[in-house]
Amino acid sequence: DGALGELKGSRRLVREVPEIQATLVEMTKENLLLALAGTEATPYPAANPTHDLITSKGQLPDTAYQDVALVGDLAGTTQPFCFVVQNAVVVEMAEVTFGDRRTPGLRVTFRGHYDPANPDVPPYRIYRPQVA
């Protein structure tokens, strides 16, 4: 009270919500199941199937939460830089885009979720190469 501005040490973390936005460029069954959390694929039709029918299970089982990583090179090194979002689920599908070759891409946002067994540990890890 009575401070003329913000005081060092008076701020606190209120929220840490890690996210990765990505475009899934292959419409594989696995990518669709990842993008549409809580879904399952079954052969269709049952006799002589020609397709995978993807439908909602109406709930998010624990297996829907997966670790997702964004990996790239750190300039000036040959070591990978890795940002991992833990217990991630797609919380938003923004759009289906078409690339250079008219290949569809599904733009998604993965959001990390805290583990109830460790609610004080933020659900992300960053692996940055050590540079001399």
N, C-alpha and C. Protein backbone atom coordinates (compact mmCIF):
# COMPACT_ATOMS: atom_id res chain seq x y z
N ASP A 1 0.85 -1.18 0.00
CA ASP A 1 0.00 0.00 0.00
C ASP A 1 0.89 1.24 0.00
N GLY A 2 0.48 2.22 -0.75
CA GLY A 2 1.23 3.45 -0.82
C GLY A 2 2.35 3.43 -1.85
N ALA A 3 2.58 2.30 -2.54
CA ALA A 3 3.63 2.21 -3.56
C ALA A 3 3.20 3.02 -4.78
N LEU A 4 4.17 3.66 -5.40
CA LEU A 4 3.89 4.47 -6.59
C LEU A 4 3.91 3.64 -7.88
N GLY A 5 4.28 2.40 -7.78
CA GLY A 5 4.33 1.53 -8.95
C GLY A 5 4.39 0.08 -8.50
N GLU A 6 4.65 -0.79 -9.45
CA GLU A 6 4.72 -2.22 -9.13
C GLU A 6 6.00 -2.52 -8.35
N LEU A 7 5.88 -3.39 -7.36
CA LEU A 7 7.00 -3.73 -6.51
C LEU A 7 7.58 -5.09 -6.89
N LYS A 8 8.91 -5.14 -6.95
CA LYS A 8 9.59 -6.40 -7.19
C LYS A 8 9.20 -7.38 -6.10
N GLY A 9 8.86 -8.60 -6.50
CA GLY A 9 8.47 -9.62 -5.54
C GLY A 9 7.00 -9.63 -5.18
N SER A 10 6.24 -8.67 -5.72
CA SER A 10 4.82 -8.62 -5.37
C SER A 10 3.94 -9.35 -6.39
N ARG A 11 4.54 -9.80 -7.47
CA ARG A 11 3.76 -10.51 -8.48
C ARG A 11 3.83 -12.01 -8.20
N ARG A 12 2.81 -12.72 -8.60
CA ARG A 12 2.81 -14.17 -8.44
C ARG A 12 2.22 -14.80 -9.69
N LEU A 13 2.63 -16.01 -9.95
CA LEU A 13 2.07 -16.76 -11.06
C LEU A 13 0.66 -17.17 -10.71
N VAL A 14 -0.26 -16.88 -11.58
CA VAL A 14 -1.64 -17.24 -11.35
C VAL A 14 -2.04 -18.41 -12.25
N ARG A 15 -1.44 -18.44 -13.45
CA ARG A 15 -1.82 -19.45 -14.43
C ARG A 15 -0.65 -19.79 -15.34
N GLU A 16 -0.46 -21.06 -15.63
CA GLU A 16 0.48 -21.51 -16.65
C GLU A 16 -0.27 -22.52 -17.50
N VAL A 17 -0.53 -22.16 -18.73
CA VAL A 17 -1.31 -23.00 -19.63
C VAL A 17 -0.52 -23.19 -20.93
N PRO A 18 0.28 -24.26 -21.01
CA PRO A 18 1.08 -24.47 -22.22
C PRO A 18 0.22 -24.95 -23.39
N GLU A 19 0.54 -24.41 -24.57
CA GLU A 19 -0.18 -24.80 -25.78
C GLU A 19 0.80 -24.91 -26.94
N ILE A 20 0.47 -25.78 -27.87
CA ILE A 20 1.16 -25.87 -29.15
C ILE A 20 0.10 -25.78 -30.22
N GLN A 21 0.30 -24.85 -31.15
CA GLN A 21 -0.57 -24.77 -32.32
C GLN A 21 0.18 -25.42 -33.47
N ALA A 22 -0.48 -26.30 -34.17
CA ALA A 22 0.18 -27.04 -35.25
C ALA A 22 -0.82 -27.32 -36.36
N THR A 23 -0.28 -27.63 -37.51
CA THR A 23 -1.11 -28.07 -38.63
C THR A 23 -0.76 -29.51 -38.93
N LEU A 24 -1.72 -30.39 -38.77
CA LEU A 24 -1.53 -31.80 -39.10
C LEU A 24 -1.72 -31.93 -40.61
N VAL A 25 -0.65 -32.28 -41.32
CA VAL A 25 -0.71 -32.24 -42.78
C VAL A 25 -1.08 -33.57 -43.42
N GLU A 26 -1.22 -34.59 -42.63
CA GLU A 26 -1.66 -35.87 -43.17
C GLU A 26 -2.98 -36.25 -42.51
N MET A 27 -3.96 -36.58 -43.30
CA MET A 27 -5.27 -36.96 -42.77
C MET A 27 -5.30 -38.47 -42.49
N THR A 28 -4.32 -38.92 -41.69
CA THR A 28 -4.30 -40.33 -41.33
C THR A 28 -5.35 -40.59 -40.25
N LYS A 29 -5.67 -41.84 -40.09
CA LYS A 29 -6.62 -42.21 -39.04
C LYS A 29 -6.08 -41.78 -37.68
N GLU A 30 -4.77 -41.99 -37.46
CA GLU A 30 -4.16 -41.65 -36.18
C GLU A 30 -4.23 -40.14 -35.91
N ASN A 31 -3.96 -39.31 -36.93
CA ASN A 31 -4.03 -37.86 -36.75
C ASN A 31 -5.46 -37.40 -36.48
N LEU A 32 -6.42 -37.99 -37.15
CA LEU A 32 -7.82 -37.63 -36.90
C LEU A 32 -8.25 -38.02 -35.49
N LEU A 33 -7.83 -39.18 -35.03
CA LEU A 33 -8.16 -39.60 -33.66
C LEU A 33 -7.48 -38.71 -32.63
N LEU A 34 -6.28 -38.22 -32.96
CA LEU A 34 -5.56 -37.30 -32.08
C LEU A 34 -6.26 -35.94 -32.04
N ALA A 35 -6.66 -35.45 -33.21
CA ALA A 35 -7.31 -34.14 -33.31
C ALA A 35 -8.71 -34.13 -32.70
N LEU A 36 -9.38 -35.25 -32.78
CA LEU A 36 -10.76 -35.36 -32.27
C LEU A 36 -10.74 -36.22 -31.01
N ALA A 37 -10.29 -35.64 -29.92
CA ALA A 37 -10.15 -36.39 -28.67
C ALA A 37 -11.47 -37.04 -28.28
N GLY A 38 -11.36 -38.27 -27.81
CA GLY A 38 -12.56 -38.98 -27.36
C GLY A 38 -13.30 -39.67 -28.50
N THR A 39 -12.60 -39.93 -29.60
CA THR A 39 -13.23 -40.63 -30.72
C THR A 39 -12.61 -42.01 -30.89
N GLU A 40 -13.27 -42.81 -31.69
CA GLU A 40 -12.75 -44.14 -32.01
C GLU A 40 -13.03 -44.43 -33.47
N ALA A 41 -12.25 -45.33 -34.04
CA ALA A 41 -12.42 -45.73 -35.44
C ALA A 41 -12.83 -47.19 -35.50
N THR A 42 -13.82 -47.46 -36.33
CA THR A 42 -14.25 -48.84 -36.55
C THR A 42 -14.35 -49.07 -38.05
N PRO A 43 -14.06 -50.30 -38.49
CA PRO A 43 -14.16 -50.59 -39.93
C PRO A 43 -15.60 -50.44 -40.41
N TYR A 44 -15.75 -49.87 -41.62
CA TYR A 44 -17.09 -49.65 -42.18
C TYR A 44 -17.08 -49.98 -43.66
N PRO A 45 -18.06 -50.68 -44.13
CA PRO A 45 -19.08 -51.44 -43.38
C PRO A 45 -18.44 -52.65 -42.72
N ALA A 46 -19.18 -53.29 -41.87
CA ALA A 46 -18.64 -54.42 -41.11
C ALA A 46 -18.17 -55.54 -42.03
N ALA A 47 -18.93 -55.81 -43.05
CA ALA A 47 -18.54 -56.83 -44.03
C ALA A 47 -17.79 -56.14 -45.17
N ASN A 48 -16.59 -56.59 -45.46
CA ASN A 48 -15.76 -56.01 -46.51
C ASN A 48 -15.59 -54.50 -46.35
N PRO A 49 -14.96 -54.06 -45.26
CA PRO A 49 -14.84 -52.62 -45.01
C PRO A 49 -14.00 -51.89 -46.06
N THR A 50 -14.44 -50.68 -46.37
CA THR A 50 -13.74 -49.81 -47.32
C THR A 50 -13.30 -48.51 -46.65
N HIS A 51 -13.81 -48.24 -45.45
CA HIS A 51 -13.52 -46.99 -44.75
C HIS A 51 -13.33 -47.26 -43.25
N ASP A 52 -12.78 -46.26 -42.57
CA ASP A 52 -12.78 -46.23 -41.12
C ASP A 52 -13.84 -45.22 -40.72
N LEU A 53 -14.79 -45.64 -39.92
CA LEU A 53 -15.84 -44.76 -39.43
C LEU A 53 -15.38 -44.20 -38.08
N ILE A 54 -15.22 -42.89 -38.01
CA ILE A 54 -14.76 -42.24 -36.78
C ILE A 54 -15.95 -41.60 -36.09
N THR A 55 -16.18 -42.02 -34.85
CA THR A 55 -17.31 -41.52 -34.08
C THR A 55 -16.87 -41.15 -32.67
N SER A 56 -17.66 -40.32 -32.03
CA SER A 56 -17.36 -39.88 -30.67
C SER A 56 -17.77 -40.94 -29.66
N LYS A 57 -16.97 -41.07 -28.61
CA LYS A 57 -17.33 -41.95 -27.50
C LYS A 57 -18.12 -41.18 -26.44
N GLY A 58 -18.22 -39.84 -26.60
CA GLY A 58 -18.99 -39.04 -25.67
C GLY A 58 -18.29 -38.72 -24.37
N GLN A 59 -17.01 -39.06 -24.27
CA GLN A 59 -16.24 -38.76 -23.06
C GLN A 59 -14.75 -38.77 -23.40
N LEU A 60 -13.95 -38.22 -22.51
CA LEU A 60 -12.50 -38.21 -22.70
C LEU A 60 -11.87 -39.19 -21.72
N PRO A 61 -11.48 -40.37 -22.19
CA PRO A 61 -10.79 -41.29 -21.29
C PRO A 61 -9.38 -40.79 -21.02
N ASP A 62 -8.73 -41.32 -20.00
CA ASP A 62 -7.36 -40.91 -19.67
C ASP A 62 -6.41 -41.09 -20.86
N THR A 63 -6.69 -42.07 -21.71
CA THR A 63 -5.82 -42.32 -22.87
C THR A 63 -5.91 -41.21 -23.91
N ALA A 64 -6.90 -40.33 -23.81
CA ALA A 64 -7.01 -39.21 -24.76
C ALA A 64 -5.94 -38.16 -24.50
N TYR A 65 -5.39 -38.12 -23.29
CA TYR A 65 -4.36 -37.15 -22.91
C TYR A 65 -3.00 -37.73 -23.25
N GLN A 66 -2.27 -37.04 -24.13
CA GLN A 66 -0.97 -37.53 -24.57
C GLN A 66 0.05 -36.41 -24.55
N ASP A 67 1.32 -36.78 -24.46
CA ASP A 67 2.38 -35.79 -24.56
C ASP A 67 2.60 -35.45 -26.03
N VAL A 68 2.74 -34.16 -26.31
CA VAL A 68 2.95 -33.67 -27.67
C VAL A 68 4.21 -32.82 -27.65
N ALA A 69 5.05 -32.99 -28.66
CA ALA A 69 6.32 -32.26 -28.68
C ALA A 69 6.48 -31.46 -29.97
N LEU A 70 7.09 -30.30 -29.82
CA LEU A 70 7.49 -29.46 -30.94
C LEU A 70 9.02 -29.50 -30.94
N VAL A 71 9.61 -30.00 -32.02
CA VAL A 71 11.06 -30.19 -32.07
C VAL A 71 11.64 -29.39 -33.23
N GLY A 72 12.74 -28.71 -32.96
CA GLY A 72 13.42 -27.94 -33.99
C GLY A 72 14.89 -27.81 -33.66
N ASP A 73 15.65 -27.20 -34.55
CA ASP A 73 17.08 -26.99 -34.33
C ASP A 73 17.30 -25.61 -33.74
N LEU A 74 18.20 -25.54 -32.77
CA LEU A 74 18.60 -24.27 -32.21
C LEU A 74 19.70 -23.72 -33.10
N ALA A 75 19.56 -22.49 -33.56
CA ALA A 75 20.54 -21.89 -34.47
C ALA A 75 21.95 -22.01 -33.91
N GLY A 76 22.87 -22.44 -34.75
CA GLY A 76 24.26 -22.55 -34.36
C GLY A 76 24.62 -23.87 -33.70
N THR A 77 23.67 -24.80 -33.60
CA THR A 77 23.96 -26.10 -33.00
C THR A 77 23.40 -27.20 -33.90
N THR A 78 23.80 -28.42 -33.59
CA THR A 78 23.23 -29.57 -34.29
C THR A 78 22.31 -30.35 -33.37
N GLN A 79 22.07 -29.79 -32.19
CA GLN A 79 21.22 -30.44 -31.19
C GLN A 79 19.78 -29.95 -31.31
N PRO A 80 18.83 -30.84 -31.08
CA PRO A 80 17.43 -30.41 -31.16
C PRO A 80 16.99 -29.60 -29.94
N PHE A 81 16.11 -28.67 -30.19
CA PHE A 81 15.40 -27.91 -29.16
C PHE A 81 14.03 -28.56 -29.07
N CYS A 82 13.55 -28.87 -27.89
CA CYS A 82 12.31 -29.61 -27.77
C CYS A 82 11.41 -28.99 -26.70
N PHE A 83 10.18 -28.69 -27.09
CA PHE A 83 9.16 -28.17 -26.17
C PHE A 83 8.08 -29.23 -26.08
N VAL A 84 7.89 -29.79 -24.89
CA VAL A 84 6.94 -30.88 -24.68
C VAL A 84 5.77 -30.38 -23.85
N VAL A 85 4.57 -30.57 -24.36
CA VAL A 85 3.35 -30.27 -23.60
C VAL A 85 2.81 -31.61 -23.13
N GLN A 86 2.65 -31.74 -21.82
CA GLN A 86 2.23 -33.00 -21.24
C GLN A 86 0.72 -33.05 -21.04
N ASN A 87 0.18 -34.26 -21.10
CA ASN A 87 -1.25 -34.48 -20.92
C ASN A 87 -2.06 -33.55 -21.83
N ALA A 88 -1.66 -33.50 -23.09
CA ALA A 88 -2.27 -32.57 -24.04
C ALA A 88 -3.49 -33.18 -24.72
N VAL A 89 -4.44 -32.31 -24.98
CA VAL A 89 -5.65 -32.65 -25.73
C VAL A 89 -5.91 -31.49 -26.68
N VAL A 90 -6.42 -31.80 -27.85
CA VAL A 90 -6.80 -30.73 -28.77
C VAL A 90 -8.03 -30.02 -28.21
N VAL A 91 -7.90 -28.72 -28.02
CA VAL A 91 -9.00 -27.93 -27.46
C VAL A 91 -9.63 -27.05 -28.53
N GLU A 92 -8.99 -26.96 -29.69
CA GLU A 92 -9.55 -26.13 -30.75
C GLU A 92 -9.05 -26.62 -32.11
N MET A 93 -9.97 -26.76 -33.03
CA MET A 93 -9.63 -27.01 -34.43
C MET A 93 -10.05 -25.78 -35.19
N ALA A 94 -9.06 -25.00 -35.60
CA ALA A 94 -9.36 -23.70 -36.19
C ALA A 94 -9.89 -23.82 -37.62
N GLU A 95 -9.23 -24.61 -38.43
CA GLU A 95 -9.62 -24.63 -39.83
C GLU A 95 -8.94 -25.78 -40.55
N VAL A 96 -9.47 -26.11 -41.70
CA VAL A 96 -8.81 -27.02 -42.61
C VAL A 96 -8.22 -26.14 -43.70
N THR A 97 -6.90 -26.22 -43.88
CA THR A 97 -6.23 -25.40 -44.88
C THR A 97 -5.73 -26.29 -46.01
N PHE A 98 -5.45 -25.68 -47.13
CA PHE A 98 -4.90 -26.40 -48.26
C PHE A 98 -3.54 -25.80 -48.59
N GLY A 99 -2.52 -26.66 -48.66
CA GLY A 99 -1.17 -26.21 -48.94
C GLY A 99 -0.91 -26.06 -50.42
N ASP A 100 0.36 -26.05 -50.77
CA ASP A 100 0.78 -25.83 -52.15
C ASP A 100 0.17 -26.82 -53.13
N ARG A 101 0.08 -28.04 -52.72
CA ARG A 101 -0.41 -29.10 -53.62
C ARG A 101 -1.86 -29.46 -53.35
N ARG A 102 -2.60 -28.52 -52.77
CA ARG A 102 -4.01 -28.76 -52.44
C ARG A 102 -4.17 -29.91 -51.46
N THR A 103 -3.15 -30.12 -50.63
CA THR A 103 -3.20 -31.14 -49.60
C THR A 103 -3.85 -30.54 -48.36
N PRO A 104 -4.89 -31.16 -47.84
CA PRO A 104 -5.54 -30.56 -46.67
C PRO A 104 -4.68 -30.66 -45.43
N GLY A 105 -4.75 -29.65 -44.60
CA GLY A 105 -4.07 -29.64 -43.31
C GLY A 105 -5.07 -29.22 -42.24
N LEU A 106 -5.01 -29.86 -41.11
CA LEU A 106 -5.95 -29.59 -40.02
C LEU A 106 -5.23 -28.79 -38.94
N ARG A 107 -5.59 -27.52 -38.77
CA ARG A 107 -4.94 -26.64 -37.78
C ARG A 107 -5.59 -26.88 -36.42
N VAL A 108 -4.74 -27.25 -35.45
CA VAL A 108 -5.24 -27.62 -34.12
C VAL A 108 -4.43 -26.91 -33.04
N THR A 109 -5.01 -26.81 -31.85
CA THR A 109 -4.33 -26.30 -30.68
C THR A 109 -4.35 -27.38 -29.61
N PHE A 110 -3.15 -27.85 -29.24
CA PHE A 110 -3.00 -28.80 -28.14
C PHE A 110 -2.78 -28.01 -26.86
N ARG A 111 -3.51 -28.34 -25.81
CA ARG A 111 -3.35 -27.67 -24.52
C ARG A 111 -2.98 -28.70 -23.46
N GLY A 112 -1.95 -28.37 -22.66
CA GLY A 112 -1.52 -29.25 -21.58
C GLY A 112 -2.46 -29.18 -20.39
N HIS A 113 -2.56 -30.29 -19.69
CA HIS A 113 -3.42 -30.38 -18.51
C HIS A 113 -2.61 -30.88 -17.32
N TYR A 114 -2.84 -30.28 -16.18
CA TYR A 114 -2.14 -30.66 -14.96
C TYR A 114 -2.53 -32.07 -14.54
N ASP A 115 -1.58 -32.79 -13.97
CA ASP A 115 -1.82 -34.12 -13.44
C ASP A 115 -2.43 -33.97 -12.05
N PRO A 116 -3.60 -34.55 -11.79
CA PRO A 116 -4.22 -34.41 -10.46
C PRO A 116 -3.33 -34.91 -9.33
N ALA A 117 -2.42 -35.84 -9.62
CA ALA A 117 -1.52 -36.35 -8.59
C ALA A 117 -0.41 -35.34 -8.26
N ASN A 118 -0.15 -34.39 -9.19
CA ASN A 118 0.88 -33.36 -8.99
C ASN A 118 0.35 -32.01 -9.47
N PRO A 119 -0.64 -31.46 -8.80
CA PRO A 119 -1.29 -30.24 -9.30
C PRO A 119 -0.43 -28.98 -9.27
N ASP A 120 0.74 -29.04 -8.63
CA ASP A 120 1.61 -27.88 -8.57
C ASP A 120 2.70 -27.91 -9.64
N VAL A 121 2.75 -28.98 -10.45
CA VAL A 121 3.79 -29.12 -11.48
C VAL A 121 3.19 -28.77 -12.84
N PRO A 122 3.65 -27.67 -13.46
CA PRO A 122 3.11 -27.28 -14.77
C PRO A 122 3.35 -28.38 -15.81
N PRO A 123 2.38 -28.58 -16.71
CA PRO A 123 2.46 -29.68 -17.67
C PRO A 123 3.28 -29.36 -18.93
N TYR A 124 4.52 -28.95 -18.74
CA TYR A 124 5.40 -28.77 -19.89
C TYR A 124 6.85 -28.97 -19.47
N ARG A 125 7.66 -29.25 -20.48
CA ARG A 125 9.11 -29.36 -20.30
C ARG A 125 9.77 -28.74 -21.53
N ILE A 126 10.88 -28.07 -21.29
CA ILE A 126 11.65 -27.49 -22.39
C ILE A 126 13.05 -28.05 -22.32
N TYR A 127 13.50 -28.65 -23.42
CA TYR A 127 14.85 -29.19 -23.52
C TYR A 127 15.62 -28.29 -24.50
N ARG A 128 16.50 -27.46 -23.93
CA ARG A 128 17.30 -26.53 -24.74
C ARG A 128 18.75 -26.97 -24.71
N PRO A 129 19.39 -27.10 -25.88
CA PRO A 129 20.79 -27.50 -25.90
C PRO A 129 21.67 -26.50 -25.17
N GLN A 130 22.69 -26.99 -24.49
CA GLN A 130 23.66 -26.12 -23.87
C GLN A 130 24.62 -25.64 -24.95
N VAL A 131 24.85 -24.35 -24.99
CA VAL A 131 25.73 -23.76 -25.98
C VAL A 131 26.93 -23.19 -25.26
N ALA A 132 28.12 -23.55 -25.76
CA ALA A 132 29.35 -23.08 -25.11
C ALA A 132 29.56 -21.60 -25.33
